[in-house]
Amino acid sequence: MPRDDDRPTYTPLPLPDRVQRTPDAAIEAAEAFRDYMRKRHSVRDYSDQPVPRAVIEACVAAAHTAPSGANRQPWHFVAISDPDMKARVRAGAEDEERQFYGGGAGDAWLQALEPIGTGVDKPHLTQAPWLIVVFAERWGVDADGARYKNYYVPESVGIATGMLITAIHEAGLVCLEHTPNRMKFLNEMCGRPEREKPVMILPVGYPSDDATVPQAAKRKKPLTAVMTVFETR
């Protein structure tokens, strides 16, 4: 990150890529993508089938194309396939979950989770061939060690994580959005600095032959409940 006295100036470039479609083609593509994304499921049951590192790198590279506040790209992705490290991540996550289910969460929160079937045990964190830990960089440090501010960090990391989940689905894999209430143990375990906050663990792999999903997860609000339109007449 340049210092204030060496800031880059605004330099516009011609639009590098054009992927626009005709209206009819746009509707067809959007509906096909909608139907494909309806096949995405959050999965807790994983096969032991290996996933090449190159697939994980390509998915993370896709997430890294996400827009971000002031283009600060305030994210870091840690990919883990080492069995011992996955076991330590699971142990730390289950410690946090014991506190959550043992009184840390309110009754309303636990009741909301009942139809999803979650609990303290997290076998998916060791079953899945890969874990991707998503970190949000709250502030950055330039080459001279000076601290600089990142902007819209939760929004930027949320967009990148959504793109990562979509890329994982596009690769024919499944994942689970695992968010323990507190995950500070991941900083030391993953060698990440204090300025980064762990926000999610994504186990990634192929579903097992007997994989299931909660019936409640298939119930989605109708589009009219989540979309309002003000249209020119």
Protein backbone atom coordinates (compact mmCIF):
# COMPACT_ATOMS: atom_id res chain seq x y z
CA MET A 1 0.00 0.00 0.00
CA PRO A 2 1.60 3.32 -1.08
CA ARG A 3 2.29 6.01 1.51
CA ASP A 4 0.20 9.20 1.42
CA ASP A 5 2.98 11.06 -0.42
CA ASP A 6 3.19 8.34 -3.09
CA ARG A 7 -0.45 7.64 -3.79
CA PRO A 8 -1.39 6.34 -7.24
CA THR A 9 -3.52 8.68 -9.30
CA TYR A 10 -6.77 7.76 -10.98
CA THR A 11 -6.03 6.29 -14.41
CA PRO A 12 -9.03 5.01 -16.38
CA LEU A 13 -8.63 2.01 -18.66
CA PRO A 14 -10.94 0.86 -21.45
CA LEU A 15 -13.30 -1.84 -20.19
CA PRO A 16 -11.06 -4.94 -20.49
CA ASP A 17 -13.83 -7.53 -20.95
CA ARG A 18 -17.33 -7.39 -22.34
CA VAL A 19 -19.65 -10.27 -21.57
CA GLN A 20 -22.99 -8.56 -22.17
CA ARG A 21 -25.87 -10.53 -23.72
CA THR A 22 -29.02 -9.67 -25.62
CA PRO A 23 -32.10 -9.39 -23.39
CA ASP A 24 -33.40 -12.82 -24.44
CA ALA A 25 -30.00 -14.44 -23.90
CA ALA A 26 -29.66 -12.66 -20.55
CA ILE A 27 -32.97 -14.08 -19.33
CA GLU A 28 -32.00 -17.56 -20.50
CA ALA A 29 -28.59 -17.38 -18.82
CA ALA A 30 -29.94 -15.92 -15.58
CA GLU A 31 -32.65 -18.55 -15.31
CA ALA A 32 -30.19 -21.36 -16.07
CA PHE A 33 -27.83 -20.03 -13.40
CA ARG A 34 -30.73 -19.74 -10.93
CA ASP A 35 -31.69 -23.35 -11.56
CA TYR A 36 -28.09 -24.50 -11.15
CA MET A 37 -27.66 -22.59 -7.90
CA ARG A 38 -30.82 -24.22 -6.56
CA LYS A 39 -28.79 -27.45 -6.64
CA ARG A 40 -26.29 -26.01 -4.18
CA HIS A 41 -26.59 -27.52 -0.71
CA SER A 42 -24.77 -27.05 2.57
CA VAL A 43 -23.46 -30.55 3.31
CA ARG A 44 -22.15 -32.15 6.51
CA ASP A 45 -21.40 -35.63 5.15
CA TYR A 46 -18.22 -35.96 3.11
CA SER A 47 -16.58 -38.62 0.98
CA ASP A 48 -12.89 -39.41 1.44
CA GLN A 49 -12.37 -38.82 -2.29
CA PRO A 50 -9.40 -36.45 -2.62
CA VAL A 51 -9.67 -33.03 -4.23
CA PRO A 52 -6.62 -31.69 -6.11
CA ARG A 53 -5.02 -28.58 -4.67
CA ALA A 54 -5.35 -26.94 -8.10
CA VAL A 55 -9.16 -27.05 -7.79
CA ILE A 56 -9.06 -25.29 -4.42
CA GLU A 57 -6.62 -22.68 -5.74
CA ALA A 58 -8.87 -21.99 -8.73
CA CYS A 59 -11.90 -21.52 -6.46
CA VAL A 60 -10.00 -19.13 -4.19
CA ALA A 61 -8.67 -17.26 -7.24
CA ALA A 62 -12.27 -16.79 -8.38
CA ALA A 63 -13.21 -15.41 -4.95
CA HIS A 64 -10.23 -13.06 -5.14
CA THR A 65 -11.80 -11.32 -8.16
CA ALA A 66 -14.53 -9.93 -5.88
CA PRO A 67 -15.05 -6.17 -5.61
CA SER A 68 -14.01 -4.54 -2.34
CA GLY A 69 -14.10 -1.17 -0.62
CA ALA A 70 -11.41 1.07 -2.20
CA ASN A 71 -10.07 -2.14 -3.81
CA ARG A 72 -8.28 -3.00 -0.55
CA GLN A 73 -9.09 -6.73 -0.92
CA PRO A 74 -9.30 -7.23 2.88
CA TRP A 75 -9.39 -11.03 2.89
CA HIS A 76 -7.11 -13.99 3.34
CA PHE A 77 -7.93 -17.64 2.68
CA VAL A 78 -6.10 -20.46 4.47
CA ALA A 79 -6.52 -23.86 2.78
CA ILE A 80 -5.81 -26.89 4.95
CA SER A 81 -5.57 -30.54 3.91
CA ASP A 82 -3.12 -31.73 6.59
CA PRO A 83 -5.04 -34.27 8.75
CA ASP A 84 -3.33 -33.26 12.00
CA MET A 85 -4.12 -29.60 11.46
CA LYS A 86 -7.72 -30.38 10.53
CA ALA A 87 -8.02 -32.36 13.76
CA ARG A 88 -6.76 -29.37 15.75
CA VAL A 89 -9.22 -27.07 13.97
CA ARG A 90 -12.03 -29.48 14.82
CA ALA A 91 -10.97 -29.71 18.47
CA GLY A 92 -10.87 -25.91 18.77
CA ALA A 93 -14.22 -25.51 17.02
CA GLU A 94 -15.88 -28.13 19.21
CA ASP A 95 -14.53 -26.42 22.34
CA GLU A 96 -16.23 -23.23 21.18
CA GLU A 97 -19.42 -25.10 20.35
CA ARG A 98 -19.60 -26.68 23.81
CA GLN A 99 -19.67 -23.19 25.28
CA PHE A 100 -22.27 -22.09 22.73
CA TYR A 101 -24.65 -25.00 23.28
CA GLY A 102 -23.90 -25.08 27.01
CA GLY A 103 -25.41 -21.67 27.69
CA GLY A 104 -23.58 -19.17 25.50
CA ALA A 105 -26.49 -19.02 23.05
CA GLY A 106 -29.93 -17.87 24.07
CA ASP A 107 -32.95 -20.15 23.98
CA ALA A 108 -34.35 -18.48 20.88
CA TRP A 109 -31.13 -19.06 18.93
CA LEU A 110 -31.00 -22.74 19.89
CA GLN A 111 -34.66 -23.18 18.98
CA ALA A 112 -33.99 -21.65 15.57
CA LEU A 113 -31.18 -24.17 15.02
CA GLU A 114 -33.21 -27.25 15.98
CA PRO A 115 -34.67 -27.88 12.47
CA ILE A 116 -31.13 -27.67 11.05
CA GLY A 117 -29.88 -30.45 13.32
CA THR A 118 -26.64 -28.82 14.42
CA GLY A 119 -24.76 -29.76 17.59
CA VAL A 120 -21.39 -29.81 19.29
CA ASP A 121 -19.83 -32.62 17.23
CA LYS A 122 -18.27 -31.45 13.96
CA PRO A 123 -16.99 -34.58 12.16
CA HIS A 124 -17.16 -32.76 8.82
CA LEU A 125 -14.11 -30.72 9.86
CA THR A 126 -11.96 -33.84 9.68
CA GLN A 127 -13.91 -35.80 7.05
CA ALA A 128 -13.71 -33.18 4.31
CA PRO A 129 -10.45 -33.32 2.33
CA TRP A 130 -10.00 -29.55 2.62
CA LEU A 131 -10.85 -26.78 5.04
CA ILE A 132 -10.79 -23.18 3.84
CA VAL A 133 -10.60 -20.66 6.68
CA VAL A 134 -11.73 -17.16 5.66
CA PHE A 135 -10.06 -14.24 7.44
CA ALA A 136 -11.15 -10.59 7.29
CA GLU A 137 -8.31 -8.06 7.42
CA ARG A 138 -9.50 -5.25 9.69
CA TRP A 139 -6.56 -3.01 8.71
CA GLY A 140 -3.52 -3.40 6.51
CA VAL A 141 0.21 -2.78 6.88
CA ASP A 142 2.31 -1.41 4.03
CA ALA A 143 5.87 -2.35 3.07
CA ASP A 144 7.25 0.20 5.55
CA GLY A 145 5.18 -1.17 8.42
CA ALA A 146 2.73 1.73 8.42
CA ARG A 147 -0.87 0.87 9.23
CA TYR A 148 -3.64 1.81 6.79
CA LYS A 149 -7.42 1.57 6.98
CA ASN A 150 -9.53 -0.92 5.09
CA TYR A 151 -13.08 0.05 4.13
CA TYR A 152 -16.33 -1.92 4.11
CA VAL A 153 -14.53 -4.99 5.39
CA PRO A 154 -17.58 -7.15 6.34
CA GLU A 155 -19.31 -6.33 3.07
CA SER A 156 -16.20 -6.99 0.97
CA VAL A 157 -15.36 -10.28 2.69
CA GLY A 158 -19.00 -11.35 2.50
CA ILE A 159 -19.05 -10.81 -1.27
CA ALA A 160 -15.77 -12.72 -1.70
CA THR A 161 -17.01 -15.59 0.46
CA GLY A 162 -20.23 -15.83 -1.53
CA MET A 163 -18.20 -16.00 -4.73
CA LEU A 164 -16.00 -18.70 -3.18
CA ILE A 165 -19.04 -20.79 -2.26
CA THR A 166 -20.38 -20.35 -5.80
CA ALA A 167 -17.02 -21.36 -7.30
CA ILE A 168 -16.96 -24.47 -5.10
CA HIS A 169 -20.41 -25.41 -6.39
CA GLU A 170 -19.31 -24.73 -9.98
CA ALA A 171 -16.39 -27.14 -9.45
CA GLY A 172 -18.84 -29.90 -8.54
CA LEU A 173 -17.95 -29.85 -4.86
CA VAL A 174 -19.93 -29.14 -1.70
CA CYS A 175 -19.15 -27.12 1.39
CA LEU A 176 -20.62 -26.07 4.71
CA GLU A 177 -20.65 -22.55 6.14
CA HIS A 178 -19.29 -23.16 9.64
CA THR A 179 -19.17 -20.10 11.92
CA PRO A 180 -18.28 -20.83 15.56
CA ASN A 181 -19.17 -17.95 17.83
CA ARG A 182 -15.52 -17.27 18.69
CA MET A 183 -12.62 -18.46 16.56
CA LYS A 184 -9.56 -16.59 17.81
CA PHE A 185 -7.68 -19.87 18.16
CA LEU A 186 -7.46 -19.94 14.37
CA ASN A 187 -5.12 -16.92 14.18
CA GLU A 188 -2.29 -18.68 15.99
CA MET A 189 -3.01 -22.04 14.40
CA CYS A 190 -2.98 -20.60 10.87
CA GLY A 191 -0.16 -18.12 11.45
CA ARG A 192 -2.32 -15.09 10.77
CA PRO A 193 -1.75 -11.67 12.38
CA GLU A 194 -3.93 -10.11 15.05
CA ARG A 195 -5.33 -7.59 12.57
CA GLU A 196 -7.16 -10.41 10.78
CA LYS A 197 -10.40 -11.83 12.12
CA PRO A 198 -11.46 -15.42 11.29
CA VAL A 199 -15.04 -15.33 10.08
CA MET A 200 -15.78 -18.74 8.58
CA ILE A 201 -14.53 -22.29 8.11
CA LEU A 202 -15.58 -24.02 4.90
CA PRO A 203 -15.09 -27.79 4.76
CA VAL A 204 -14.85 -28.62 1.06
CA GLY A 205 -15.07 -31.92 -0.80
CA TYR A 206 -17.42 -34.41 -2.42
CA PRO A 207 -20.59 -35.52 -0.64
CA SER A 208 -20.66 -39.03 0.78
CA ASP A 209 -22.96 -41.61 -0.78
CA ASP A 210 -25.32 -41.31 2.21
CA ALA A 211 -25.16 -37.52 2.53
CA THR A 212 -28.32 -35.80 3.78
CA VAL A 213 -29.54 -32.25 4.21
CA PRO A 214 -32.11 -30.94 6.70
CA GLN A 215 -35.60 -30.81 5.23
CA ALA A 216 -35.93 -27.31 6.68
CA ALA A 217 -33.01 -26.12 4.53
CA LYS A 218 -35.09 -26.61 1.39
CA ARG A 219 -37.75 -24.16 2.53
CA LYS A 220 -37.00 -20.79 0.93
CA LYS A 221 -39.01 -17.62 1.17
CA PRO A 222 -40.90 -16.73 -2.02
CA LEU A 223 -39.27 -14.12 -4.23
CA THR A 224 -42.04 -11.67 -3.37
CA ALA A 225 -40.92 -11.78 0.27
CA VAL A 226 -37.32 -10.83 -0.50
CA MET A 227 -37.65 -8.52 -3.51
CA THR A 228 -39.41 -5.19 -4.04
CA VAL A 229 -39.56 -3.62 -7.50
CA PHE A 230 -40.18 0.00 -8.51
CA GLU A 231 -40.44 -0.14 -12.29
CA THR A 232 -40.75 2.56 -14.92
CA ARG A 233 -44.13 2.33 -16.61
